[in-house]
């Protein structure tokens, strides 16, 4: 019996994102600044991430599925996929031979497959990571240089329609590697699951991921209206504020600009409007004082 699909990743046009989705950036990183001002993004492969376990969910099947009858049925389906236009008797013999080799449960064979699969997804796919929370204190701390950087707010409707990404979804956080069904439903692409499963120690990131196929390159141009807001960290360098604001207004005049501030007498941060189209640059600079 096939398992019902319970996907957390869908084709990009079906993805339900918050109105604004955020990317934390380091002001001292020249590429991060250029990425904002030139509407350019770099889409890394998972082996470039800071989590050495990212997308390394091993292909291990659920124990209750590993009966001789079910394994034979799986081997038969593999035979029909890999050897088209054979007779039913030939398929049965191939399935029997596969089962005798115990490849589905052979640990050495599975580990080799895991390595091959990981290398393949690193070569073929890029992953762009975003979050719905602009006020995530820890994200500011380690992705925006201890609150000295900035955060880009993207219009999610533009991101979905831009044509760069093919699939997307929310990350699921788990404390154990999930076991895979031996017979997934037809719409359940198992190899894609691994992009969207992380250890639960990362759950504070509340991450959304967008997948991009590398046949179109790692560096991509976003539409000019993709950025809807820019937020300066609460420790953004004072001497750089006015210069940065002028760059934003010149390059992305339709975007709103905010500054994060510590909440007095509380643990927390909040954002204050610095600039939008209704405010002139003189007023914006006064707010930043």
Protein backbone atom coordinates (compact mmCIF):
# COMPACT_ATOMS: atom_id res chain seq x y z
CA UNK A 1 0.00 0.00 0.00
CA UNK A 2 1.37 3.43 -0.95
CA UNK A 3 1.89 6.04 1.72
CA UNK A 4 -0.19 9.17 1.41
CA UNK A 5 1.85 12.14 0.31
CA UNK A 6 2.55 14.66 3.04
CA UNK A 7 4.87 16.99 1.21
CA UNK A 8 6.31 20.15 2.66
CA UNK A 9 7.73 21.14 -0.74
CA UNK A 10 5.62 22.03 -3.77
CA UNK A 11 6.06 23.51 -7.24
CA UNK A 12 6.95 27.17 -6.82
CA UNK A 13 3.66 28.43 -8.27
CA UNK A 14 1.78 26.54 -5.52
CA UNK A 15 3.96 27.80 -2.68
CA UNK A 16 2.20 29.81 0.01
CA UNK A 17 4.73 32.33 1.33
CA UNK A 18 4.23 35.28 3.69
CA UNK A 19 3.83 38.61 1.86
CA UNK A 20 7.43 39.53 2.70
CA UNK A 21 10.25 37.03 3.12
CA UNK A 22 13.66 37.98 4.51
CA UNK A 23 17.36 37.43 3.92
CA UNK A 24 19.95 38.53 6.51
CA UNK A 25 23.12 40.14 5.13
CA UNK A 26 26.53 41.35 6.32
CA UNK A 27 27.25 44.98 5.41
CA UNK A 28 30.99 44.34 5.52
CA UNK A 29 30.70 41.66 2.83
CA UNK A 30 31.06 43.47 -0.56
CA UNK A 31 29.04 40.80 -2.33
CA UNK A 32 26.10 41.19 0.05
CA UNK A 33 25.98 44.91 -0.66
CA UNK A 34 26.25 44.37 -4.42
CA UNK A 35 23.55 41.70 -4.22
CA UNK A 36 21.15 44.26 -2.78
CA UNK A 37 21.99 47.20 -5.03
CA UNK A 38 22.17 45.18 -8.27
CA UNK A 39 19.18 42.89 -7.55
CA UNK A 40 21.52 39.91 -7.84
CA UNK A 41 21.49 36.72 -5.81
CA UNK A 42 23.96 33.88 -5.41
CA UNK A 43 22.28 30.50 -4.97
CA UNK A 44 24.65 28.09 -3.19
CA UNK A 45 24.68 24.32 -3.17
CA UNK A 46 24.12 22.62 0.20
CA UNK A 47 27.82 21.75 0.62
CA UNK A 48 28.47 25.50 1.02
CA UNK A 49 26.20 25.79 4.07
CA UNK A 50 27.34 26.08 7.70
CA UNK A 51 25.54 22.88 8.73
CA UNK A 52 27.64 19.77 7.89
CA UNK A 53 24.49 17.62 8.15
CA UNK A 54 22.47 19.71 5.71
CA UNK A 55 20.73 17.57 3.09
CA UNK A 56 22.52 14.42 4.24
CA UNK A 57 19.43 12.46 5.26
CA UNK A 58 20.46 8.86 4.47
CA UNK A 59 18.27 6.66 2.31
CA UNK A 60 17.08 4.15 4.91
CA UNK A 61 13.76 2.40 4.67
CA UNK A 62 11.30 1.81 7.49
CA UNK A 63 11.88 -1.50 9.22
CA UNK A 64 8.24 -2.58 8.92
CA UNK A 65 8.52 -2.35 5.12
CA UNK A 66 11.52 -4.66 4.87
CA UNK A 67 9.73 -8.00 4.61
CA UNK A 68 10.80 -10.48 1.94
CA UNK A 69 7.53 -10.00 0.06
CA UNK A 70 7.77 -6.21 0.03
CA UNK A 71 11.46 -6.22 -0.86
CA UNK A 72 10.72 -8.52 -3.82
CA UNK A 73 7.92 -6.19 -4.92
CA UNK A 74 10.32 -3.24 -4.71
CA UNK A 75 12.98 -5.12 -6.70
CA UNK A 76 10.34 -5.91 -9.33
CA UNK A 77 9.44 -2.23 -9.68
CA UNK A 78 13.15 -1.33 -9.96
CA UNK A 79 13.61 -3.97 -12.66
CA UNK A 80 10.73 -2.58 -14.72
CA UNK A 81 12.13 0.95 -14.50
CA UNK A 82 15.74 0.01 -15.32
CA UNK A 83 15.03 -2.66 -17.96
CA UNK A 84 12.14 -1.61 -20.22
CA UNK A 85 10.56 -3.88 -22.82
CA UNK A 86 11.35 -7.19 -21.08
CA UNK A 87 8.97 -10.08 -20.54
CA UNK A 88 7.28 -10.63 -17.20
CA UNK A 89 9.37 -13.74 -16.66
CA UNK A 90 12.57 -11.76 -17.27
CA UNK A 91 11.44 -9.07 -14.81
CA UNK A 92 10.82 -11.73 -12.17
CA UNK A 93 14.29 -13.19 -12.67
CA UNK A 94 15.93 -9.73 -12.50
CA UNK A 95 13.96 -8.92 -9.35
CA UNK A 96 15.01 -12.23 -7.79
CA UNK A 97 18.68 -11.54 -8.63
CA UNK A 98 18.48 -8.04 -7.11
CA UNK A 99 16.87 -9.42 -3.97
CA UNK A 100 19.52 -12.12 -3.61
CA UNK A 101 22.24 -9.46 -3.63
CA UNK A 102 20.41 -7.73 -0.71
CA UNK A 103 21.28 -4.31 -2.16
CA UNK A 104 18.26 -2.61 -0.56
CA UNK A 105 19.52 -3.51 2.91
CA UNK A 106 23.26 -3.80 2.27
CA UNK A 107 24.87 -1.04 4.36
CA UNK A 108 27.97 -0.67 2.19
CA UNK A 109 25.88 -0.34 -0.97
CA UNK A 110 23.51 2.16 0.69
CA UNK A 111 26.37 4.32 1.98
CA UNK A 112 27.85 4.41 -1.51
CA UNK A 113 24.45 5.43 -2.88
CA UNK A 114 24.16 8.17 -0.20
CA UNK A 115 27.51 9.67 -1.24
CA UNK A 116 26.64 9.50 -4.92
CA UNK A 117 23.24 11.10 -4.31
CA UNK A 118 24.72 13.92 -2.19
CA UNK A 119 27.33 14.73 -4.84
CA UNK A 120 24.63 14.72 -7.49
CA UNK A 121 22.35 17.17 -5.69
CA UNK A 122 25.30 19.48 -4.98
CA UNK A 123 26.09 19.55 -8.69
CA UNK A 124 22.51 19.92 -9.89
CA UNK A 125 20.67 22.11 -7.36
CA UNK A 126 21.04 25.42 -5.59
CA UNK A 127 19.11 26.32 -2.46
CA UNK A 128 18.09 29.85 -1.53
CA UNK A 129 17.23 30.18 2.16
CA UNK A 130 14.81 32.75 3.56
CA UNK A 131 12.81 33.36 6.73
CA UNK A 132 9.49 35.11 7.49
CA UNK A 133 10.92 36.76 10.64
CA UNK A 134 12.76 40.08 10.36
CA UNK A 135 13.02 40.34 14.16
CA UNK A 136 14.72 36.99 14.72
CA UNK A 137 17.41 37.99 17.24
CA UNK A 138 19.70 35.02 16.64
CA UNK A 139 19.54 35.39 12.87
CA UNK A 140 20.67 39.00 13.24
CA UNK A 141 23.47 37.80 15.51
CA UNK A 142 25.12 35.25 13.26
CA UNK A 143 23.98 36.08 9.72
CA UNK A 144 24.17 39.88 9.97
CA UNK A 145 27.48 40.27 11.77
CA UNK A 146 26.18 40.75 15.32
CA UNK A 147 23.37 43.13 14.25
CA UNK A 148 25.83 45.34 12.33
CA UNK A 149 24.46 44.26 8.96
CA UNK A 150 21.13 44.58 7.20
CA UNK A 151 18.13 42.48 6.24
CA UNK A 152 16.48 42.41 2.81
CA UNK A 153 12.72 42.03 2.62
CA UNK A 154 11.61 40.46 -0.68
CA UNK A 155 8.13 40.66 -2.16
CA UNK A 156 7.24 36.98 -2.18
CA UNK A 157 4.88 37.29 -5.16
CA UNK A 158 7.76 38.62 -7.27
CA UNK A 159 10.08 35.86 -6.05
CA UNK A 160 7.51 33.20 -6.95
CA UNK A 161 6.87 34.63 -10.42
CA UNK A 162 10.48 35.48 -11.35
CA UNK A 163 11.17 32.14 -13.06
CA UNK A 164 14.37 31.36 -11.17
CA UNK A 165 13.00 28.72 -8.80
CA UNK A 166 11.17 25.51 -9.56
CA UNK A 167 10.27 24.17 -6.14
CA UNK A 168 9.98 25.50 -2.61
CA UNK A 169 8.71 24.87 0.89
CA UNK A 170 9.16 25.18 4.62
CA UNK A 171 11.90 23.23 6.35
CA UNK A 172 10.79 20.50 8.76
CA UNK A 173 12.88 20.16 11.89
CA UNK A 174 13.43 16.71 13.37
CA UNK A 175 15.49 15.10 16.09
CA UNK A 176 16.14 11.91 14.10
CA UNK A 177 16.73 11.10 10.48
CA UNK A 178 13.37 10.06 8.99
CA UNK A 179 12.99 6.59 7.51
CA UNK A 180 11.64 6.45 3.98
CA UNK A 181 8.61 4.54 2.74
CA UNK A 182 9.48 1.64 0.46
CA UNK A 183 6.53 2.57 -1.79
CA UNK A 184 6.07 6.36 -1.87
CA UNK A 185 3.10 7.89 -3.65
CA UNK A 186 3.62 8.92 -7.27
CA UNK A 187 3.92 12.64 -6.44
CA UNK A 188 6.39 12.02 -3.62
CA UNK A 189 9.88 12.81 -4.95
CA UNK A 190 12.02 11.31 -2.21
CA UNK A 191 15.29 12.91 -3.28
CA UNK A 192 13.72 16.37 -2.84
CA UNK A 193 12.75 15.63 0.77
CA UNK A 194 16.35 15.83 1.90
CA UNK A 195 16.52 19.56 1.07
CA UNK A 196 13.68 20.29 3.47
CA UNK A 197 14.65 18.29 6.57
CA UNK A 198 17.03 19.65 9.22
CA UNK A 199 18.01 18.86 12.78
CA UNK A 200 15.66 20.51 15.26
CA UNK A 201 18.45 22.60 16.82
CA UNK A 202 17.95 24.89 13.77
CA UNK A 203 14.20 25.30 14.24
CA UNK A 204 14.52 28.89 15.49
CA UNK A 205 15.36 29.88 11.89
CA UNK A 206 11.85 28.95 10.64
CA UNK A 207 13.38 28.57 7.22
CA UNK A 208 11.80 28.51 3.79
CA UNK A 209 13.84 27.09 0.93
CA UNK A 210 13.62 27.68 -2.81
CA UNK A 211 15.26 25.24 -5.24
CA UNK A 212 17.04 26.26 -8.40
CA UNK A 213 18.52 24.00 -11.09
CA UNK A 214 22.12 24.85 -11.90
CA UNK A 215 21.75 24.44 -15.63
CA UNK A 216 20.88 28.15 -15.49
CA UNK A 217 23.87 29.14 -13.30
CA UNK A 218 24.42 30.00 -9.63
CA UNK A 219 24.18 33.79 -9.98
CA UNK A 220 20.76 35.12 -10.94
CA UNK A 221 19.20 38.54 -11.49
CA UNK A 222 15.98 39.33 -9.67
CA UNK A 223 13.36 41.71 -11.06
CA UNK A 224 14.00 45.32 -10.03
CA UNK A 225 10.84 45.35 -7.89
CA UNK A 226 11.77 42.25 -5.88
CA UNK A 227 13.04 44.21 -2.86
CA UNK A 228 10.22 45.78 -0.84
CA UNK A 229 12.15 46.80 2.28
CA UNK A 230 15.63 47.03 3.80
CA UNK A 231 16.21 46.91 7.54
CA UNK A 232 19.38 48.15 9.23
CA UNK A 233 20.57 46.20 12.26
CA UNK A 234 20.44 47.84 15.67
CA UNK A 235 24.28 47.96 15.69
CA UNK A 236 24.63 49.19 12.11
CA UNK A 237 27.72 51.47 11.97
CA UNK A 238 26.71 55.08 12.63
CA UNK A 239 29.25 56.49 10.18
CA UNK A 240 27.83 54.34 7.35
CA UNK A 241 24.09 54.98 7.83
CA UNK A 242 23.69 58.09 5.67
CA UNK A 243 25.88 56.72 2.88
CA UNK A 244 23.97 53.42 2.84
CA UNK A 245 20.62 55.21 2.87
CA UNK A 246 21.61 57.34 -0.11
CA UNK A 247 22.68 54.22 -2.04
CA UNK A 248 19.33 52.58 -1.35
CA UNK A 249 17.31 55.63 -2.38
CA UNK A 250 19.30 55.99 -5.61
CA UNK A 251 19.12 52.31 -6.54
CA UNK A 252 15.87 51.05 -4.97
CA UNK A 253 13.68 54.14 -4.50
CA UNK A 254 10.46 52.17 -4.04
CA UNK A 255 11.76 50.17 -1.07
CA UNK A 256 11.01 51.17 2.50
CA UNK A 257 13.94 51.49 4.89
CA UNK A 258 13.77 50.60 8.58
CA UNK A 259 16.18 50.55 11.51
CA UNK A 260 16.01 47.89 14.21
CA UNK A 261 16.06 49.23 17.76
CA UNK A 262 16.35 47.65 21.19
CA UNK A 263 13.09 47.78 23.14
CA UNK A 264 13.71 49.81 26.32
CA UNK A 265 13.68 47.75 29.54
CA UNK A 266 12.79 44.56 27.64
CA UNK A 267 14.47 41.63 25.91
CA UNK A 268 13.60 42.31 22.30
CA UNK A 269 14.01 44.39 19.17
CA UNK A 270 11.57 46.34 17.02
CA UNK A 271 11.80 48.22 13.73
CA UNK A 272 11.33 51.93 13.09
CA UNK A 273 10.52 53.43 9.70
CA UNK A 274 13.36 55.54 8.34
CA UNK A 275 12.37 56.12 4.72
CA UNK A 276 9.60 55.52 2.24
CA UNK A 277 8.46 57.45 -0.82
CA UNK A 278 6.45 59.86 1.34
CA UNK A 279 9.60 60.98 3.22
CA UNK A 280 12.37 63.01 1.64
CA UNK A 281 16.04 62.27 2.19
CA UNK A 282 16.42 65.17 4.64
CA UNK A 283 13.69 63.77 6.88
CA UNK A 284 15.13 60.28 6.60
CA UNK A 285 18.57 61.49 7.68
CA UNK A 286 17.02 63.26 10.64
CA UNK A 287 15.34 60.04 11.76
CA UNK A 288 18.68 58.27 11.59
CA UNK A 289 20.34 60.81 13.87
